[in-house]
Amino acid sequence: MNCHTEYRYCHPEVARVVILSAAKDLLHGSITVVKGINMKAKIYITPKAGILDPQGLTIERSLPALGFEGVTNVRVGKYIELELPDGDSAGKAVDEMCHQLLANPIIEDFEFELVPE
């Protein structure tokens, strides 16, 4: 998906396709809306551009020995999943978690997506 770091907003065209698909499923009765369901946050944390990534460099240097030529710009990051209550403030809560604990905003970028459970 084409999304930005802040609150993981999706590119408008991607969001339109997702919304239209969900609306179609809702009209055809293949999904049910339930209030209070949990959200899953999928969080991706990577080193900022310009920050040394020794793990990425090691992988990049090792891949040719395994026959994978031409691979460049390898970055190693973290992937975190967590569940939280659904609500209007879920995105804000995950953003605050990332800023305060999960990522180091000085040297790491993060992005996340919220998925209904």
N, C-alpha and C. Protein backbone atom coordinates (compact mmCIF):
# COMPACT_ATOMS: atom_id res chain seq x y z
N MET A 1 0.83 -1.18 0.00
CA MET A 1 0.00 0.00 0.00
C MET A 1 0.87 1.25 0.00
N ASN A 2 0.32 2.32 -0.50
CA ASN A 2 1.02 3.59 -0.55
C ASN A 2 0.57 4.43 0.64
N CYS A 3 1.27 4.33 1.76
CA CYS A 3 0.83 5.00 2.97
C CYS A 3 1.94 5.86 3.55
N HIS A 4 1.57 6.80 4.39
CA HIS A 4 2.54 7.71 5.00
C HIS A 4 2.77 7.30 6.45
N THR A 5 3.86 7.77 7.03
CA THR A 5 4.21 7.42 8.40
C THR A 5 3.15 7.87 9.39
N GLU A 6 2.72 9.11 9.31
CA GLU A 6 1.76 9.63 10.28
C GLU A 6 0.41 8.95 10.13
N TYR A 7 -0.03 8.24 11.13
CA TYR A 7 -1.33 7.60 11.23
C TYR A 7 -1.64 6.60 10.12
N ARG A 8 -0.65 6.28 9.29
CA ARG A 8 -0.80 5.25 8.24
C ARG A 8 -2.01 5.54 7.35
N TYR A 9 -2.11 6.76 6.85
CA TYR A 9 -3.14 7.10 5.89
C TYR A 9 -2.78 6.48 4.56
N CYS A 10 -3.74 5.92 3.88
CA CYS A 10 -3.49 5.30 2.59
C CYS A 10 -3.69 6.30 1.47
N HIS A 11 -3.05 6.01 0.36
CA HIS A 11 -3.24 6.80 -0.85
C HIS A 11 -4.75 6.83 -1.14
N PRO A 12 -5.30 7.96 -1.52
CA PRO A 12 -6.75 8.07 -1.73
C PRO A 12 -7.32 7.02 -2.68
N GLU A 13 -6.59 6.65 -3.72
CA GLU A 13 -7.11 5.65 -4.66
C GLU A 13 -7.19 4.28 -4.01
N VAL A 14 -6.19 3.94 -3.20
CA VAL A 14 -6.20 2.66 -2.49
C VAL A 14 -7.35 2.64 -1.49
N ALA A 15 -7.52 3.73 -0.76
CA ALA A 15 -8.61 3.81 0.22
C ALA A 15 -9.96 3.69 -0.47
N ARG A 16 -10.12 4.32 -1.64
CA ARG A 16 -11.39 4.25 -2.36
C ARG A 16 -11.72 2.82 -2.75
N VAL A 17 -10.72 2.07 -3.22
CA VAL A 17 -10.94 0.69 -3.62
C VAL A 17 -11.33 -0.16 -2.42
N VAL A 18 -10.65 0.05 -1.29
CA VAL A 18 -10.95 -0.72 -0.08
C VAL A 18 -12.36 -0.41 0.41
N ILE A 19 -12.73 0.86 0.41
CA ILE A 19 -14.07 1.27 0.88
C ILE A 19 -15.14 0.72 -0.05
N LEU A 20 -14.95 0.82 -1.35
CA LEU A 20 -15.94 0.30 -2.30
C LEU A 20 -16.10 -1.20 -2.16
N SER A 21 -14.99 -1.91 -1.96
CA SER A 21 -15.06 -3.36 -1.79
C SER A 21 -15.82 -3.72 -0.52
N ALA A 22 -15.54 -3.01 0.57
CA ALA A 22 -16.24 -3.27 1.83
C ALA A 22 -17.72 -2.94 1.71
N ALA A 23 -18.06 -1.84 1.03
CA ALA A 23 -19.46 -1.47 0.85
C ALA A 23 -20.20 -2.54 0.05
N LYS A 24 -19.56 -3.06 -1.00
CA LYS A 24 -20.17 -4.12 -1.80
C LYS A 24 -20.42 -5.36 -0.95
N ASP A 25 -19.42 -5.75 -0.15
CA ASP A 25 -19.57 -6.92 0.72
C ASP A 25 -20.69 -6.70 1.73
N LEU A 26 -20.78 -5.49 2.28
CA LEU A 26 -21.82 -5.19 3.25
C LEU A 26 -23.20 -5.28 2.62
N LEU A 27 -23.36 -4.74 1.41
CA LEU A 27 -24.64 -4.79 0.71
C LEU A 27 -25.06 -6.21 0.37
N HIS A 28 -24.10 -7.06 0.09
CA HIS A 28 -24.40 -8.44 -0.28
C HIS A 28 -24.50 -9.35 0.94
N GLY A 29 -24.34 -8.78 2.13
CA GLY A 29 -24.50 -9.56 3.36
C GLY A 29 -23.34 -10.46 3.70
N SER A 30 -22.20 -10.28 3.04
CA SER A 30 -21.08 -11.17 3.33
C SER A 30 -20.23 -10.68 4.51
N ILE A 31 -20.50 -9.48 5.03
CA ILE A 31 -19.86 -9.04 6.26
C ILE A 31 -20.92 -8.43 7.17
N THR A 32 -20.65 -8.48 8.45
CA THR A 32 -21.56 -7.93 9.44
C THR A 32 -20.82 -6.90 10.26
N VAL A 33 -21.45 -5.77 10.50
CA VAL A 33 -20.83 -4.72 11.31
C VAL A 33 -21.19 -4.98 12.76
N VAL A 34 -20.15 -5.07 13.60
CA VAL A 34 -20.34 -5.31 15.03
C VAL A 34 -19.62 -4.21 15.77
N LYS A 35 -20.32 -3.50 16.63
CA LYS A 35 -19.70 -2.43 17.41
C LYS A 35 -18.81 -3.02 18.50
N GLY A 36 -17.73 -2.33 18.80
CA GLY A 36 -16.86 -2.71 19.90
C GLY A 36 -15.89 -3.84 19.59
N ILE A 37 -15.74 -4.21 18.33
CA ILE A 37 -14.78 -5.27 18.02
C ILE A 37 -13.37 -4.71 18.15
N ASN A 38 -12.44 -5.58 18.33
CA ASN A 38 -11.05 -5.17 18.50
C ASN A 38 -10.41 -4.85 17.15
N MET A 39 -9.39 -4.03 17.21
CA MET A 39 -8.59 -3.70 16.04
C MET A 39 -7.23 -4.36 16.22
N LYS A 40 -6.63 -4.76 15.11
CA LYS A 40 -5.25 -5.23 15.14
C LYS A 40 -4.42 -4.13 14.52
N ALA A 41 -3.36 -3.75 15.20
CA ALA A 41 -2.42 -2.77 14.67
C ALA A 41 -1.21 -3.55 14.16
N LYS A 42 -0.85 -3.29 12.90
CA LYS A 42 0.34 -3.88 12.30
C LYS A 42 1.34 -2.74 12.13
N ILE A 43 2.44 -2.82 12.87
CA ILE A 43 3.41 -1.72 12.97
C ILE A 43 4.72 -2.14 12.33
N TYR A 44 5.23 -1.29 11.44
CA TYR A 44 6.48 -1.53 10.74
C TYR A 44 7.48 -0.45 11.14
N ILE A 45 8.61 -0.85 11.68
CA ILE A 45 9.63 0.09 12.15
C ILE A 45 10.92 -0.19 11.38
N THR A 46 11.49 0.86 10.78
CA THR A 46 12.73 0.71 10.01
C THR A 46 13.69 1.84 10.36
N PRO A 47 14.99 1.60 10.17
CA PRO A 47 15.95 2.69 10.40
C PRO A 47 15.70 3.82 9.40
N LYS A 48 15.87 5.05 9.85
CA LYS A 48 15.70 6.20 8.96
C LYS A 48 16.79 6.16 7.88
N ALA A 49 16.48 6.76 6.74
CA ALA A 49 17.49 6.88 5.68
C ALA A 49 18.69 7.64 6.24
N GLY A 50 19.87 7.18 5.93
CA GLY A 50 21.08 7.83 6.42
C GLY A 50 21.59 7.27 7.73
N ILE A 51 20.78 6.45 8.41
CA ILE A 51 21.21 5.82 9.67
C ILE A 51 21.87 4.48 9.32
N LEU A 52 23.04 4.23 9.86
CA LEU A 52 23.77 2.98 9.61
C LEU A 52 22.92 1.80 10.03
N ASP A 53 22.83 0.80 9.15
CA ASP A 53 22.06 -0.42 9.41
C ASP A 53 23.00 -1.62 9.23
N PRO A 54 23.75 -1.99 10.28
CA PRO A 54 24.73 -3.06 10.14
C PRO A 54 24.10 -4.41 9.75
N GLN A 55 22.91 -4.71 10.26
CA GLN A 55 22.25 -5.97 9.88
C GLN A 55 21.91 -5.96 8.40
N GLY A 56 21.38 -4.85 7.93
CA GLY A 56 21.04 -4.73 6.51
C GLY A 56 22.27 -4.87 5.63
N LEU A 57 23.38 -4.23 6.04
CA LEU A 57 24.62 -4.34 5.26
C LEU A 57 25.14 -5.77 5.23
N THR A 58 25.07 -6.48 6.35
CA THR A 58 25.53 -7.87 6.40
C THR A 58 24.71 -8.74 5.47
N ILE A 59 23.39 -8.55 5.48
CA ILE A 59 22.53 -9.32 4.59
C ILE A 59 22.82 -8.98 3.14
N GLU A 60 22.95 -7.69 2.86
CA GLU A 60 23.22 -7.25 1.47
C GLU A 60 24.52 -7.84 0.94
N ARG A 61 25.54 -7.90 1.80
CA ARG A 61 26.83 -8.46 1.39
C ARG A 61 26.80 -9.98 1.26
N SER A 62 25.90 -10.64 1.98
CA SER A 62 25.85 -12.11 1.98
C SER A 62 25.00 -12.67 0.84
N LEU A 63 24.04 -11.93 0.35
CA LEU A 63 23.13 -12.44 -0.67
C LEU A 63 23.83 -12.88 -1.96
N PRO A 64 24.84 -12.14 -2.47
CA PRO A 64 25.51 -12.61 -3.69
C PRO A 64 26.15 -13.99 -3.54
N ALA A 65 26.64 -14.30 -2.35
CA ALA A 65 27.24 -15.62 -2.11
C ALA A 65 26.20 -16.74 -2.22
N LEU A 66 24.94 -16.39 -2.05
CA LEU A 66 23.86 -17.37 -2.17
C LEU A 66 23.23 -17.36 -3.56
N GLY A 67 23.79 -16.53 -4.45
CA GLY A 67 23.30 -16.50 -5.81
C GLY A 67 22.28 -15.40 -6.11
N PHE A 68 22.07 -14.51 -5.17
CA PHE A 68 21.11 -13.42 -5.36
C PHE A 68 21.87 -12.14 -5.69
N GLU A 69 22.07 -11.89 -6.97
CA GLU A 69 22.84 -10.74 -7.42
C GLU A 69 21.94 -9.51 -7.58
N GLY A 70 22.53 -8.34 -7.41
CA GLY A 70 21.83 -7.10 -7.71
C GLY A 70 20.92 -6.57 -6.61
N VAL A 71 20.89 -7.22 -5.46
CA VAL A 71 20.06 -6.75 -4.35
C VAL A 71 20.78 -5.60 -3.65
N THR A 72 20.10 -4.48 -3.48
CA THR A 72 20.71 -3.32 -2.84
C THR A 72 19.76 -2.69 -1.83
N ASN A 73 20.29 -1.81 -1.02
CA ASN A 73 19.52 -1.03 -0.05
C ASN A 73 18.71 -1.90 0.92
N VAL A 74 19.33 -2.96 1.44
CA VAL A 74 18.65 -3.83 2.40
C VAL A 74 18.55 -3.11 3.74
N ARG A 75 17.36 -3.02 4.29
CA ARG A 75 17.11 -2.40 5.60
C ARG A 75 16.43 -3.44 6.48
N VAL A 76 16.90 -3.61 7.68
CA VAL A 76 16.31 -4.56 8.62
C VAL A 76 15.57 -3.76 9.69
N GLY A 77 14.33 -4.12 9.92
CA GLY A 77 13.51 -3.40 10.90
C GLY A 77 12.77 -4.36 11.82
N LYS A 78 11.71 -3.86 12.40
CA LYS A 78 10.88 -4.64 13.32
C LYS A 78 9.44 -4.63 12.82
N TYR A 79 8.73 -5.71 13.11
CA TYR A 79 7.31 -5.80 12.82
C TYR A 79 6.62 -6.16 14.12
N ILE A 80 5.63 -5.37 14.50
CA ILE A 80 4.92 -5.59 15.76
C ILE A 80 3.43 -5.66 15.47
N GLU A 81 2.75 -6.64 16.05
CA GLU A 81 1.29 -6.72 15.99
C GLU A 81 0.76 -6.58 17.40
N LEU A 82 -0.32 -5.84 17.54
CA LEU A 82 -0.99 -5.76 18.84
C LEU A 82 -2.48 -5.53 18.61
N GLU A 83 -3.27 -5.88 19.59
CA GLU A 83 -4.71 -5.68 19.52
C GLU A 83 -5.11 -4.60 20.50
N LEU A 84 -6.08 -3.80 20.10
CA LEU A 84 -6.58 -2.75 20.97
C LEU A 84 -8.06 -2.54 20.67
N PRO A 85 -8.78 -1.93 21.60
CA PRO A 85 -10.20 -1.70 21.38
C PRO A 85 -10.43 -0.78 20.19
N ASP A 86 -11.49 -1.08 19.44
CA ASP A 86 -11.87 -0.24 18.31
C ASP A 86 -12.35 1.10 18.83
N GLY A 87 -12.13 2.13 18.05
CA GLY A 87 -12.58 3.45 18.44
C GLY A 87 -11.96 4.51 17.57
N ASP A 88 -12.49 5.70 17.68
CA ASP A 88 -11.99 6.81 16.87
C ASP A 88 -10.55 7.16 17.23
N SER A 89 -10.13 6.85 18.44
CA SER A 89 -8.79 7.23 18.89
C SER A 89 -7.76 6.11 18.74
N ALA A 90 -8.12 5.01 18.08
CA ALA A 90 -7.19 3.87 17.95
C ALA A 90 -5.92 4.29 17.21
N GLY A 91 -6.06 5.02 16.11
CA GLY A 91 -4.89 5.46 15.35
C GLY A 91 -4.00 6.38 16.16
N LYS A 92 -4.62 7.29 16.89
CA LYS A 92 -3.86 8.21 17.73
C LYS A 92 -3.13 7.45 18.84
N ALA A 93 -3.80 6.45 19.41
CA ALA A 93 -3.18 5.66 20.48
C ALA A 93 -1.95 4.90 19.97
N VAL A 94 -2.07 4.28 18.79
CA VAL A 94 -0.94 3.53 18.23
C VAL A 94 0.20 4.49 17.89
N ASP A 95 -0.13 5.65 17.35
CA ASP A 95 0.89 6.65 17.04
C ASP A 95 1.65 7.05 18.30
N GLU A 96 0.94 7.28 19.39
CA GLU A 96 1.59 7.64 20.65
C GLU A 96 2.43 6.49 21.19
N MET A 97 1.94 5.24 21.07
CA MET A 97 2.73 4.08 21.51
C MET A 97 4.07 4.03 20.77
N CYS A 98 4.00 4.27 19.46
CA CYS A 98 5.22 4.23 18.65
C CYS A 98 6.18 5.35 19.04
N HIS A 99 5.66 6.55 19.25
CA HIS A 99 6.52 7.68 19.62
C HIS A 99 7.13 7.51 21.00
N GLN A 100 6.36 6.93 21.94
CA GLN A 100 6.83 6.87 23.33
C GLN A 100 7.59 5.61 23.68
N LEU A 101 7.33 4.48 22.97
CA LEU A 101 7.94 3.22 23.41
C LEU A 101 8.42 2.32 22.28
N LEU A 102 7.59 2.07 21.29
CA LEU A 102 7.89 1.03 20.31
C LEU A 102 9.00 1.40 19.33
N ALA A 103 9.10 2.66 18.98
CA ALA A 103 10.14 3.11 18.04
C ALA A 103 10.93 4.24 18.66
N ASN A 104 12.12 4.44 18.15
CA ASN A 104 12.92 5.59 18.54
C ASN A 104 12.81 6.60 17.40
N PRO A 105 11.94 7.61 17.54
CA PRO A 105 11.68 8.53 16.43
C PRO A 105 12.91 9.31 15.95
N ILE A 106 13.98 9.32 16.72
CA ILE A 106 15.19 10.02 16.30
C ILE A 106 15.91 9.24 15.20
N ILE A 107 15.95 7.92 15.31
CA ILE A 107 16.69 7.12 14.33
C ILE A 107 15.81 6.14 13.54
N GLU A 108 14.51 6.04 13.87
CA GLU A 108 13.65 5.08 13.20
C GLU A 108 12.39 5.76 12.65
N ASP A 109 11.94 5.26 11.50
CA ASP A 109 10.64 5.62 10.95
C ASP A 109 9.67 4.51 11.30
N PHE A 110 8.41 4.85 11.40
CA PHE A 110 7.41 3.81 11.60
C PHE A 110 6.17 4.15 10.79
N GLU A 111 5.45 3.10 10.47
CA GLU A 111 4.15 3.25 9.86
C GLU A 111 3.30 2.11 10.38
N PHE A 112 2.00 2.29 10.35
CA PHE A 112 1.14 1.23 10.84
C PHE A 112 -0.18 1.24 10.08
N GLU A 113 -0.86 0.11 10.20
CA GLU A 113 -2.19 0.00 9.65
C GLU A 113 -3.08 -0.61 10.71
N LEU A 114 -4.33 -0.22 10.72
CA LEU A 114 -5.31 -0.76 11.65
C LEU A 114 -6.26 -1.65 10.87
N VAL A 115 -6.43 -2.90 11.35
CA VAL A 115 -7.25 -3.88 10.68
C VAL A 115 -8.30 -4.39 11.67
N PRO A 116 -9.60 -4.36 11.31
CA PRO A 116 -10.61 -4.91 12.22
C PRO A 116 -10.38 -6.39 12.44
N GLU A 117 -10.55 -6.83 13.66
CA GLU A 117 -10.41 -8.26 14.00
C GLU A 117 -11.71 -8.98 13.80
